[in-house]
Amino acid sequence: MSPLVRFPQHLHLQPEAEVPLGVDAAELEEWGDRVCGLACLRTVLTFHDLPVPRLWDLVEAARELEAYVPQGIVHARLVDVARRHGLDGAAVELPGIDDVVRVGDAGFPVIVSVGPTLPDDGSRGGHLITVGGSTPDGQVAIADPGRWGASRDRVPADRFSSYTGRAIVPWPPAQSDRARALLESSTSRPTSGGR
């Protein structure tokens, strides 16, 4: 498994080359708390050796596609953003973290809905991270675009009690048949397109 490259989500903390001219700091800060899925998409694009656009360019594409609702990004619309950048994919239900890890181990990083900081307090969802599969030491490889993820690239599987069962699996079009077969052989189901 290739290591995942983590891209931070907080726009106001991005290098100057990432920030477009004319966007004020307040707008960057506001969007920074909402673009975890787009930061994850950058991780997946890198994994598949595709060009990685600026985070703000992805924000603009998502806005154009009306991908955001008050609760965050619509998972099926995140797939639409991915399609604009050379990937295909699906928003699916993968019931357990073991299912997610299996897909990641097969070479398809999975964007999953979890609680921020992977809490064990019963809360679920509200944040997206990328799972790359298992690590040699038996943990789960992650790229978490939030501040908590800056110092973590792997966690034990038992940290995923906040996982909602909802996931986005992007893949290169040339691997569509293999990805779809993998998802069909798993316990995945397409989602209704919601968050």
N, C-alpha and C. Protein backbone atom coordinates (compact mmCIF):
# COMPACT_ATOMS: atom_id res chain seq x y z
N MET A 1 0.84 -1.18 0.00
CA MET A 1 0.00 0.00 0.00
C MET A 1 0.89 1.25 0.00
N SER A 2 0.59 2.17 -0.90
CA SER A 2 1.30 3.45 -0.93
C SER A 2 0.83 4.30 0.24
N PRO A 3 1.72 5.08 0.83
CA PRO A 3 1.27 5.96 1.91
C PRO A 3 0.34 7.04 1.37
N LEU A 4 -0.58 7.44 2.21
CA LEU A 4 -1.50 8.52 1.84
C LEU A 4 -0.83 9.86 2.13
N VAL A 5 -1.03 10.80 1.24
CA VAL A 5 -0.55 12.17 1.45
C VAL A 5 -1.71 12.95 2.05
N ARG A 6 -1.45 13.58 3.17
CA ARG A 6 -2.49 14.37 3.86
C ARG A 6 -2.45 15.81 3.35
N PHE A 7 -3.63 16.31 3.01
CA PHE A 7 -3.79 17.72 2.65
C PHE A 7 -4.67 18.36 3.70
N PRO A 8 -4.23 19.44 4.35
CA PRO A 8 -5.06 20.08 5.37
C PRO A 8 -6.26 20.79 4.75
N GLN A 9 -7.33 20.87 5.52
CA GLN A 9 -8.56 21.47 5.02
C GLN A 9 -8.68 22.95 5.32
N HIS A 10 -7.95 23.48 6.23
CA HIS A 10 -8.16 24.85 6.69
C HIS A 10 -7.50 25.83 5.72
N LEU A 11 -8.35 26.47 4.92
CA LEU A 11 -7.88 27.35 3.87
C LEU A 11 -7.05 28.52 4.39
N HIS A 12 -7.42 29.06 5.53
CA HIS A 12 -6.68 30.22 6.03
C HIS A 12 -5.28 29.85 6.51
N LEU A 13 -4.99 28.55 6.58
CA LEU A 13 -3.66 28.09 6.97
C LEU A 13 -2.85 27.58 5.78
N GLN A 14 -3.40 27.71 4.56
CA GLN A 14 -2.75 27.19 3.36
C GLN A 14 -1.58 28.08 2.94
N PRO A 15 -0.61 27.52 2.22
CA PRO A 15 0.46 28.35 1.66
C PRO A 15 -0.14 29.39 0.71
N GLU A 16 0.56 30.47 0.53
CA GLU A 16 0.05 31.58 -0.28
C GLU A 16 -0.36 31.15 -1.69
N ALA A 17 0.37 30.21 -2.29
CA ALA A 17 0.06 29.74 -3.64
C ALA A 17 -1.29 29.03 -3.71
N GLU A 18 -1.79 28.56 -2.58
CA GLU A 18 -3.08 27.86 -2.53
C GLU A 18 -4.26 28.80 -2.42
N VAL A 19 -4.01 30.02 -2.03
CA VAL A 19 -5.09 30.96 -1.72
C VAL A 19 -5.27 31.93 -2.89
N PRO A 20 -6.47 32.00 -3.45
CA PRO A 20 -6.70 32.93 -4.56
C PRO A 20 -6.71 34.38 -4.10
N LEU A 21 -6.31 35.26 -4.97
CA LEU A 21 -6.36 36.68 -4.67
C LEU A 21 -7.82 37.12 -4.61
N GLY A 22 -8.11 38.05 -3.74
CA GLY A 22 -9.45 38.61 -3.68
C GLY A 22 -10.43 37.90 -2.77
N VAL A 23 -10.02 36.78 -2.17
CA VAL A 23 -10.90 36.09 -1.22
C VAL A 23 -10.48 36.51 0.18
N ASP A 24 -11.43 37.04 0.95
CA ASP A 24 -11.03 37.57 2.26
C ASP A 24 -10.83 36.45 3.29
N ALA A 25 -10.10 36.78 4.32
CA ALA A 25 -9.72 35.82 5.35
C ALA A 25 -10.92 35.19 6.04
N ALA A 26 -11.98 35.96 6.26
CA ALA A 26 -13.17 35.42 6.91
C ALA A 26 -13.82 34.32 6.07
N GLU A 27 -13.88 34.53 4.75
CA GLU A 27 -14.46 33.51 3.88
C GLU A 27 -13.59 32.26 3.85
N LEU A 28 -12.27 32.45 3.82
CA LEU A 28 -11.37 31.29 3.86
C LEU A 28 -11.55 30.50 5.14
N GLU A 29 -11.65 31.19 6.27
CA GLU A 29 -11.82 30.50 7.55
C GLU A 29 -13.15 29.77 7.59
N GLU A 30 -14.21 30.40 7.11
CA GLU A 30 -15.54 29.77 7.10
C GLU A 30 -15.52 28.49 6.27
N TRP A 31 -14.96 28.55 5.08
CA TRP A 31 -14.92 27.37 4.22
C TRP A 31 -13.98 26.31 4.77
N GLY A 32 -12.94 26.70 5.48
CA GLY A 32 -11.97 25.73 5.99
C GLY A 32 -12.58 24.65 6.86
N ASP A 33 -13.65 24.98 7.56
CA ASP A 33 -14.30 23.98 8.41
C ASP A 33 -15.26 23.10 7.63
N ARG A 34 -15.44 23.36 6.35
CA ARG A 34 -16.44 22.64 5.56
C ARG A 34 -15.85 21.83 4.42
N VAL A 35 -14.55 21.89 4.20
CA VAL A 35 -13.99 21.29 2.99
C VAL A 35 -13.15 20.04 3.26
N CYS A 36 -13.46 19.32 4.32
CA CYS A 36 -12.71 18.11 4.62
C CYS A 36 -12.81 17.10 3.46
N GLY A 37 -13.99 16.98 2.86
CA GLY A 37 -14.16 16.04 1.74
C GLY A 37 -13.33 16.42 0.54
N LEU A 38 -13.23 17.71 0.26
CA LEU A 38 -12.42 18.17 -0.87
C LEU A 38 -10.94 17.96 -0.60
N ALA A 39 -10.52 18.16 0.64
CA ALA A 39 -9.12 17.86 1.01
C ALA A 39 -8.85 16.37 0.85
N CYS A 40 -9.82 15.54 1.22
CA CYS A 40 -9.68 14.09 1.03
C CYS A 40 -9.57 13.74 -0.45
N LEU A 41 -10.35 14.42 -1.28
CA LEU A 41 -10.27 14.18 -2.72
C LEU A 41 -8.86 14.47 -3.22
N ARG A 42 -8.22 15.48 -2.71
CA ARG A 42 -6.84 15.78 -3.09
C ARG A 42 -5.92 14.61 -2.72
N THR A 43 -6.16 14.01 -1.56
CA THR A 43 -5.38 12.84 -1.15
C THR A 43 -5.55 11.70 -2.16
N VAL A 44 -6.78 11.46 -2.57
CA VAL A 44 -7.05 10.36 -3.51
C VAL A 44 -6.46 10.67 -4.89
N LEU A 45 -6.57 11.90 -5.34
CA LEU A 45 -5.95 12.27 -6.62
C LEU A 45 -4.45 12.01 -6.59
N THR A 46 -3.80 12.39 -5.50
CA THR A 46 -2.37 12.14 -5.36
C THR A 46 -2.06 10.65 -5.38
N PHE A 47 -2.86 9.87 -4.65
CA PHE A 47 -2.66 8.42 -4.60
C PHE A 47 -2.67 7.82 -6.00
N HIS A 48 -3.56 8.31 -6.85
CA HIS A 48 -3.69 7.78 -8.20
C HIS A 48 -2.85 8.54 -9.23
N ASP A 49 -1.89 9.34 -8.75
CA ASP A 49 -0.95 10.07 -9.61
C ASP A 49 -1.64 10.99 -10.62
N LEU A 50 -2.70 11.64 -10.17
CA LEU A 50 -3.41 12.61 -11.00
C LEU A 50 -3.07 14.03 -10.53
N PRO A 51 -3.21 15.02 -11.41
CA PRO A 51 -2.94 16.40 -11.00
C PRO A 51 -3.84 16.80 -9.82
N VAL A 52 -3.28 17.57 -8.91
CA VAL A 52 -4.01 18.00 -7.71
C VAL A 52 -4.27 19.49 -7.80
N PRO A 53 -5.53 19.88 -7.98
CA PRO A 53 -5.85 21.30 -8.04
C PRO A 53 -5.75 21.97 -6.67
N ARG A 54 -5.73 23.29 -6.69
CA ARG A 54 -5.78 24.02 -5.42
C ARG A 54 -7.10 23.69 -4.72
N LEU A 55 -7.08 23.72 -3.42
CA LEU A 55 -8.28 23.44 -2.65
C LEU A 55 -9.39 24.43 -3.00
N TRP A 56 -9.05 25.70 -3.16
CA TRP A 56 -10.08 26.68 -3.50
C TRP A 56 -10.71 26.40 -4.86
N ASP A 57 -9.93 25.87 -5.81
CA ASP A 57 -10.50 25.51 -7.11
C ASP A 57 -11.53 24.39 -6.95
N LEU A 58 -11.27 23.48 -6.03
CA LEU A 58 -12.25 22.42 -5.75
C LEU A 58 -13.49 23.01 -5.07
N VAL A 59 -13.30 23.99 -4.20
CA VAL A 59 -14.44 24.66 -3.57
C VAL A 59 -15.32 25.29 -4.65
N GLU A 60 -14.69 25.96 -5.60
CA GLU A 60 -15.47 26.60 -6.67
C GLU A 60 -16.21 25.57 -7.51
N ALA A 61 -15.57 24.44 -7.82
CA ALA A 61 -16.25 23.38 -8.57
C ALA A 61 -17.43 22.82 -7.78
N ALA A 62 -17.24 22.62 -6.49
CA ALA A 62 -18.32 22.10 -5.64
C ALA A 62 -19.49 23.09 -5.57
N ARG A 63 -19.18 24.36 -5.49
CA ARG A 63 -20.24 25.37 -5.47
C ARG A 63 -21.01 25.36 -6.79
N GLU A 64 -20.28 25.26 -7.89
CA GLU A 64 -20.89 25.22 -9.21
C GLU A 64 -21.83 24.01 -9.34
N LEU A 65 -21.46 22.90 -8.74
CA LEU A 65 -22.28 21.68 -8.79
C LEU A 65 -23.35 21.64 -7.69
N GLU A 66 -23.43 22.72 -6.90
CA GLU A 66 -24.36 22.78 -5.77
C GLU A 66 -24.20 21.56 -4.86
N ALA A 67 -22.94 21.27 -4.56
CA ALA A 67 -22.60 20.08 -3.78
C ALA A 67 -22.80 20.26 -2.28
N TYR A 68 -22.91 21.51 -1.82
CA TYR A 68 -23.01 21.75 -0.39
C TYR A 68 -24.43 22.01 0.06
N VAL A 69 -24.78 21.40 1.17
CA VAL A 69 -26.02 21.66 1.90
C VAL A 69 -25.58 22.15 3.28
N PRO A 70 -26.48 22.64 4.11
CA PRO A 70 -26.04 23.15 5.43
C PRO A 70 -25.22 22.15 6.25
N GLN A 71 -25.49 20.86 6.11
CA GLN A 71 -24.76 19.85 6.89
C GLN A 71 -23.38 19.53 6.33
N GLY A 72 -23.11 19.95 5.10
CA GLY A 72 -21.81 19.66 4.49
C GLY A 72 -21.97 19.26 3.04
N ILE A 73 -20.99 18.51 2.53
CA ILE A 73 -21.01 18.14 1.12
C ILE A 73 -21.88 16.90 0.91
N VAL A 74 -22.65 16.89 -0.16
CA VAL A 74 -23.44 15.73 -0.54
C VAL A 74 -22.46 14.72 -1.16
N HIS A 75 -22.44 13.52 -0.63
CA HIS A 75 -21.43 12.54 -1.03
C HIS A 75 -21.46 12.25 -2.54
N ALA A 76 -22.64 12.09 -3.12
CA ALA A 76 -22.73 11.83 -4.56
C ALA A 76 -22.18 13.01 -5.36
N ARG A 77 -22.30 14.21 -4.85
CA ARG A 77 -21.77 15.39 -5.55
C ARG A 77 -20.25 15.45 -5.43
N LEU A 78 -19.71 14.90 -4.34
CA LEU A 78 -18.25 14.82 -4.24
C LEU A 78 -17.71 13.92 -5.35
N VAL A 79 -18.45 12.87 -5.68
CA VAL A 79 -18.07 12.02 -6.81
C VAL A 79 -18.11 12.84 -8.11
N ASP A 80 -19.10 13.71 -8.24
CA ASP A 80 -19.17 14.57 -9.43
C ASP A 80 -17.95 15.49 -9.53
N VAL A 81 -17.51 16.02 -8.40
CA VAL A 81 -16.30 16.85 -8.39
C VAL A 81 -15.11 15.99 -8.81
N ALA A 82 -15.02 14.78 -8.28
CA ALA A 82 -13.92 13.86 -8.64
C ALA A 82 -13.91 13.59 -10.14
N ARG A 83 -15.08 13.44 -10.73
CA ARG A 83 -15.15 13.18 -12.19
C ARG A 83 -14.56 14.32 -12.99
N ARG A 84 -14.68 15.53 -12.51
CA ARG A 84 -14.10 16.68 -13.22
C ARG A 84 -12.57 16.65 -13.18
N HIS A 85 -12.01 15.79 -12.32
CA HIS A 85 -10.56 15.77 -12.14
C HIS A 85 -9.95 14.40 -12.43
N GLY A 86 -10.65 13.62 -13.26
CA GLY A 86 -10.04 12.39 -13.77
C GLY A 86 -10.38 11.12 -13.04
N LEU A 87 -11.30 11.16 -12.10
CA LEU A 87 -11.69 9.96 -11.38
C LEU A 87 -13.17 9.65 -11.64
N ASP A 88 -13.53 8.42 -11.45
CA ASP A 88 -14.93 8.01 -11.40
C ASP A 88 -15.16 7.60 -9.96
N GLY A 89 -16.28 7.03 -9.62
CA GLY A 89 -16.48 6.59 -8.25
C GLY A 89 -17.93 6.43 -7.89
N ALA A 90 -18.16 6.19 -6.61
CA ALA A 90 -19.52 5.99 -6.12
C ALA A 90 -19.59 6.36 -4.65
N ALA A 91 -20.75 6.88 -4.27
CA ALA A 91 -21.08 7.07 -2.85
C ALA A 91 -21.82 5.80 -2.43
N VAL A 92 -21.30 5.11 -1.43
CA VAL A 92 -21.83 3.80 -1.04
C VAL A 92 -21.96 3.68 0.47
N GLU A 93 -22.66 2.65 0.87
CA GLU A 93 -22.67 2.24 2.28
C GLU A 93 -21.74 1.05 2.41
N LEU A 94 -20.75 1.17 3.26
CA LEU A 94 -19.86 0.07 3.64
C LEU A 94 -20.03 -0.07 5.14
N PRO A 95 -20.78 -1.07 5.59
CA PRO A 95 -21.23 -1.10 6.98
C PRO A 95 -20.14 -1.07 8.05
N GLY A 96 -19.04 -1.76 7.83
CA GLY A 96 -18.03 -1.83 8.88
C GLY A 96 -16.69 -1.33 8.42
N ILE A 97 -15.86 -0.96 9.37
CA ILE A 97 -14.52 -0.47 9.02
C ILE A 97 -13.70 -1.57 8.35
N ASP A 98 -13.98 -2.84 8.65
CA ASP A 98 -13.28 -3.93 7.97
C ASP A 98 -13.56 -3.92 6.48
N ASP A 99 -14.81 -3.59 6.10
CA ASP A 99 -15.16 -3.48 4.68
C ASP A 99 -14.37 -2.35 4.02
N VAL A 100 -14.26 -1.23 4.73
CA VAL A 100 -13.53 -0.07 4.22
C VAL A 100 -12.06 -0.42 4.03
N VAL A 101 -11.47 -1.06 5.02
CA VAL A 101 -10.05 -1.43 4.96
C VAL A 101 -9.80 -2.38 3.79
N ARG A 102 -10.71 -3.32 3.55
CA ARG A 102 -10.55 -4.26 2.44
C ARG A 102 -10.52 -3.52 1.11
N VAL A 103 -11.39 -2.54 0.93
CA VAL A 103 -11.41 -1.75 -0.30
C VAL A 103 -10.11 -0.93 -0.41
N GLY A 104 -9.68 -0.34 0.68
CA GLY A 104 -8.42 0.40 0.68
C GLY A 104 -7.24 -0.50 0.36
N ASP A 105 -7.22 -1.69 0.94
CA ASP A 105 -6.13 -2.63 0.67
C ASP A 105 -6.09 -3.06 -0.79
N ALA A 106 -7.23 -3.00 -1.47
CA ALA A 106 -7.30 -3.36 -2.89
C ALA A 106 -6.81 -2.23 -3.80
N GLY A 107 -6.40 -1.11 -3.20
CA GLY A 107 -5.85 -0.01 -4.00
C GLY A 107 -6.81 1.13 -4.28
N PHE A 108 -7.92 1.18 -3.51
CA PHE A 108 -8.89 2.24 -3.68
C PHE A 108 -9.10 2.94 -2.35
N PRO A 109 -8.36 4.03 -2.09
CA PRO A 109 -8.60 4.77 -0.84
C PRO A 109 -10.07 5.17 -0.74
N VAL A 110 -10.59 5.11 0.46
CA VAL A 110 -12.01 5.35 0.71
C VAL A 110 -12.17 6.58 1.59
N ILE A 111 -13.04 7.49 1.18
CA ILE A 111 -13.36 8.67 1.98
C ILE A 111 -14.55 8.29 2.85
N VAL A 112 -14.39 8.37 4.17
CA VAL A 112 -15.42 7.90 5.09
C VAL A 112 -15.92 9.02 5.99
N SER A 113 -17.18 8.86 6.40
CA SER A 113 -17.82 9.82 7.31
C SER A 113 -17.64 9.34 8.74
N VAL A 114 -16.97 10.17 9.53
CA VAL A 114 -16.67 9.84 10.94
C VAL A 114 -16.88 11.09 11.79
N GLY A 115 -16.79 10.95 13.08
CA GLY A 115 -16.77 12.10 13.96
C GLY A 115 -15.39 12.72 13.97
N PRO A 116 -15.31 14.05 14.11
CA PRO A 116 -13.98 14.68 14.20
C PRO A 116 -13.18 14.09 15.36
N THR A 117 -11.95 13.80 15.13
CA THR A 117 -11.00 13.18 16.07
C THR A 117 -11.34 11.73 16.39
N LEU A 118 -12.20 11.11 15.59
CA LEU A 118 -12.58 9.70 15.80
C LEU A 118 -12.95 9.43 17.26
N PRO A 119 -13.96 10.13 17.78
CA PRO A 119 -14.30 10.01 19.20
C PRO A 119 -14.97 8.67 19.53
N ASP A 120 -14.95 8.33 20.79
CA ASP A 120 -15.67 7.12 21.23
C ASP A 120 -16.80 7.50 22.19
N ASP A 121 -17.37 8.69 21.98
CA ASP A 121 -18.41 9.20 22.87
C ASP A 121 -19.82 8.97 22.34
N GLY A 122 -19.94 8.17 21.28
CA GLY A 122 -21.26 7.90 20.72
C GLY A 122 -21.65 8.81 19.57
N SER A 123 -20.89 9.89 19.35
CA SER A 123 -21.21 10.77 18.23
C SER A 123 -20.78 10.11 16.93
N ARG A 124 -21.48 10.48 15.85
CA ARG A 124 -21.18 9.84 14.56
C ARG A 124 -21.25 10.88 13.45
N GLY A 125 -20.32 10.79 12.52
CA GLY A 125 -20.35 11.63 11.33
C GLY A 125 -19.96 13.08 11.58
N GLY A 126 -20.08 13.86 10.53
CA GLY A 126 -19.77 15.28 10.60
C GLY A 126 -18.40 15.65 10.06
N HIS A 127 -17.60 14.65 9.69
CA HIS A 127 -16.25 14.91 9.21
C HIS A 127 -15.88 13.79 8.25
N LEU A 128 -15.07 14.11 7.25
CA LEU A 128 -14.60 13.11 6.29
C LEU A 128 -13.09 12.96 6.38
N ILE A 129 -12.65 11.70 6.35
CA ILE A 129 -11.22 11.38 6.31
C ILE A 129 -11.02 10.32 5.23
N THR A 130 -9.78 10.11 4.84
CA THR A 130 -9.45 9.08 3.86
C THR A 130 -8.82 7.89 4.56
N VAL A 131 -9.30 6.69 4.22
CA VAL A 131 -8.74 5.44 4.73
C VAL A 131 -8.04 4.76 3.57
N GLY A 132 -6.77 4.40 3.79
CA GLY A 132 -5.97 3.79 2.73
C GLY A 132 -5.83 2.30 2.83
N GLY A 133 -6.32 1.70 3.89
CA GLY A 133 -6.18 0.26 4.09
C GLY A 133 -5.49 -0.03 5.40
N SER A 134 -4.92 -1.22 5.48
CA SER A 134 -4.26 -1.62 6.73
C SER A 134 -2.76 -1.32 6.65
N THR A 135 -2.17 -1.18 7.82
CA THR A 135 -0.72 -0.95 7.91
C THR A 135 -0.06 -2.26 8.34
N PRO A 136 1.25 -2.40 8.14
CA PRO A 136 1.93 -3.63 8.55
C PRO A 136 1.77 -3.96 10.03
N ASP A 137 1.54 -2.93 10.86
CA ASP A 137 1.39 -3.18 12.29
C ASP A 137 -0.07 -3.42 12.69
N GLY A 138 -0.95 -3.63 11.69
CA GLY A 138 -2.34 -3.97 11.98
C GLY A 138 -3.26 -2.80 12.26
N GLN A 139 -2.80 -1.59 12.03
CA GLN A 139 -3.66 -0.43 12.23
C GLN A 139 -4.30 -0.02 10.90
N VAL A 140 -5.04 1.06 10.93
CA VAL A 140 -5.72 1.57 9.74
C VAL A 140 -5.00 2.84 9.30
N ALA A 141 -4.56 2.85 8.03
CA ALA A 141 -3.88 4.02 7.46
C ALA A 141 -4.92 5.09 7.16
N ILE A 142 -4.66 6.32 7.63
CA ILE A 142 -5.60 7.42 7.42
C ILE A 142 -4.89 8.67 6.94
N ALA A 143 -5.65 9.54 6.31
CA ALA A 143 -5.23 10.92 6.06
C ALA A 143 -6.42 11.76 6.50
N ASP A 144 -6.28 12.38 7.65
CA ASP A 144 -7.34 13.21 8.24
C ASP A 144 -6.98 14.67 7.98
N PRO A 145 -7.79 15.39 7.18
CA PRO A 145 -7.43 16.77 6.85
C PRO A 145 -7.63 17.77 7.98
N GLY A 146 -8.26 17.36 9.07
CA GLY A 146 -8.46 18.24 10.21
C GLY A 146 -7.18 18.40 11.02
N ARG A 147 -7.21 19.33 11.95
CA ARG A 147 -6.01 19.60 12.77
C ARG A 147 -5.55 18.36 13.53
N TRP A 148 -6.51 17.57 14.03
CA TRP A 148 -6.19 16.36 14.78
C TRP A 148 -5.36 15.40 13.93
N GLY A 149 -5.64 15.36 12.64
CA GLY A 149 -4.95 14.43 11.75
C GLY A 149 -3.54 14.84 11.38
N ALA A 150 -3.14 16.05 11.72
CA ALA A 150 -1.80 16.52 11.35
C ALA A 150 -0.70 15.65 11.96
N SER A 151 -0.97 15.03 13.08
CA SER A 151 0.06 14.22 13.74
C SER A 151 -0.27 12.72 13.73
N ARG A 152 -1.24 12.32 12.92
CA ARG A 152 -1.63 10.90 12.89
C ARG A 152 -1.78 10.41 11.46
N ASP A 153 -1.12 9.30 11.13
CA ASP A 153 -1.30 8.70 9.82
C ASP A 153 -1.82 7.27 9.93
N ARG A 154 -2.09 6.83 11.14
CA ARG A 154 -2.64 5.49 11.39
C ARG A 154 -3.31 5.49 12.75
N VAL A 155 -4.33 4.68 12.87
CA VAL A 155 -5.04 4.53 14.14
C VAL A 155 -5.52 3.08 14.26
N PRO A 156 -5.76 2.60 15.48
CA PRO A 156 -6.34 1.26 15.63
C PRO A 156 -7.77 1.23 15.08
N ALA A 157 -8.19 0.09 14.57
CA ALA A 157 -9.54 -0.04 14.00
C ALA A 157 -10.62 0.27 15.02
N ASP A 158 -10.35 0.06 16.30
CA ASP A 158 -11.38 0.32 17.31
C ASP A 158 -11.65 1.82 17.51
N ARG A 159 -10.87 2.70 16.85
CA ARG A 159 -11.13 4.13 16.91
C ARG A 159 -12.28 4.56 16.00
N PHE A 160 -12.85 3.63 15.24
CA PHE A 160 -13.86 3.98 14.25
C PHE A 160 -15.29 3.79 14.73
N SER A 161 -15.53 3.93 16.02
CA SER A 161 -16.91 3.80 16.51
C SER A 161 -17.79 4.94 16.00
N SER A 162 -17.19 6.04 15.55
CA SER A 162 -17.97 7.16 15.02
C SER A 162 -18.22 7.04 13.51
N TYR A 163 -17.75 5.97 12.89
CA TYR A 163 -17.96 5.75 11.47
C TYR A 163 -19.44 5.50 11.21
N THR A 164 -20.00 6.20 10.23
CA THR A 164 -21.44 6.14 9.97
C THR A 164 -21.84 5.02 9.02
N GLY A 165 -20.89 4.38 8.36
CA GLY A 165 -21.22 3.39 7.34
C GLY A 165 -21.33 4.00 5.96
N ARG A 166 -21.20 5.33 5.86
CA ARG A 166 -21.29 6.01 4.56
C ARG A 166 -19.88 6.32 4.06
N ALA A 167 -19.68 6.08 2.76
CA ALA A 167 -18.35 6.23 2.19
C ALA A 167 -18.43 6.70 0.75
N ILE A 168 -17.32 7.25 0.28
CA ILE A 168 -17.14 7.63 -1.12
C ILE A 168 -15.91 6.88 -1.60
N VAL A 169 -16.06 6.13 -2.68
CA VAL A 169 -14.94 5.37 -3.24
C VAL A 169 -14.65 5.92 -4.64
N PRO A 170 -13.62 6.76 -4.77
CA PRO A 170 -13.22 7.24 -6.11
C PRO A 170 -12.20 6.27 -6.72
N TRP A 171 -12.25 6.14 -8.05
CA TRP A 171 -11.28 5.27 -8.73
C TRP A 171 -10.99 5.81 -10.12
N PRO A 172 -9.83 5.46 -10.67
CA PRO A 172 -9.53 5.85 -12.05
C PRO A 172 -10.48 5.12 -13.00
N PRO A 173 -10.96 5.78 -14.05
CA PRO A 173 -11.89 5.13 -14.97
C PRO A 173 -11.38 3.81 -15.54
N ALA A 174 -10.08 3.69 -15.75
CA ALA A 174 -9.52 2.45 -16.29
C ALA A 174 -9.67 1.28 -15.31
N GLN A 175 -9.96 1.59 -14.04
CA GLN A 175 -10.13 0.53 -13.03
C GLN A 175 -11.59 0.39 -12.59
N SER A 176 -12.52 0.94 -13.38
CA SER A 176 -13.93 0.91 -13.01
C SER A 176 -14.47 -0.50 -12.83
N ASP A 177 -14.16 -1.40 -13.77
CA ASP A 177 -14.70 -2.76 -13.66
C ASP A 177 -14.21 -3.43 -12.38
N ARG A 178 -12.92 -3.29 -12.08
CA ARG A 178 -12.37 -3.92 -10.87
C ARG A 178 -12.97 -3.29 -9.62
N ALA A 179 -13.10 -1.97 -9.59
CA ALA A 179 -13.66 -1.29 -8.42
C ALA A 179 -15.12 -1.70 -8.22
N ARG A 180 -15.90 -1.68 -9.28
CA ARG A 180 -17.32 -2.06 -9.16
C ARG A 180 -17.48 -3.50 -8.71
N ALA A 181 -16.66 -4.40 -9.26
CA ALA A 181 -16.72 -5.81 -8.85
C ALA A 181 -16.37 -5.96 -7.37
N LEU A 182 -15.37 -5.21 -6.93
CA LEU A 182 -14.98 -5.26 -5.53
C LEU A 182 -16.13 -4.79 -4.64
N LEU A 183 -16.76 -3.69 -5.02
CA LEU A 183 -17.88 -3.17 -4.22
C LEU A 183 -19.08 -4.11 -4.27
N GLU A 184 -19.35 -4.71 -5.43
CA GLU A 184 -20.47 -5.65 -5.55
C GLU A 184 -20.24 -6.91 -4.73
N SER A 185 -18.97 -7.31 -4.59
CA SER A 185 -18.67 -8.52 -3.81
C SER A 185 -18.64 -8.24 -2.31
N SER A 186 -18.67 -6.96 -1.98
CA SER A 186 -18.69 -6.60 -0.56
C SER A 186 -20.12 -6.40 -0.12
N THR A 187 -20.28 -5.87 1.03
CA THR A 187 -21.61 -5.60 1.56
C THR A 187 -22.05 -4.19 1.25
N SER A 188 -21.43 -3.56 0.22
CA SER A 188 -21.76 -2.17 -0.08
C SER A 188 -23.09 -2.04 -0.80
N ARG A 189 -23.71 -0.88 -0.63
CA ARG A 189 -24.93 -0.50 -1.35
C ARG A 189 -24.77 0.95 -1.75
N PRO A 190 -25.29 1.31 -2.94
CA PRO A 190 -25.26 2.72 -3.31
C PRO A 190 -26.08 3.53 -2.30
N THR A 191 -25.65 4.72 -2.02
CA THR A 191 -26.44 5.58 -1.12
C THR A 191 -27.41 6.38 -1.96
N SER A 192 -28.34 7.00 -1.29
CA SER A 192 -29.33 7.81 -1.98
C SER A 192 -28.75 9.16 -2.39
N GLY A 193 -27.47 9.35 -2.19
CA GLY A 193 -26.82 10.59 -2.59
C GLY A 193 -26.71 11.59 -1.46
N GLY A 194 -27.23 11.25 -0.30
CA GLY A 194 -27.18 12.16 0.84
C GLY A 194 -25.82 12.21 1.48
N ARG A 195 -25.77 12.95 2.55
CA ARG A 195 -24.55 13.09 3.31
C ARG A 195 -24.32 11.90 4.14
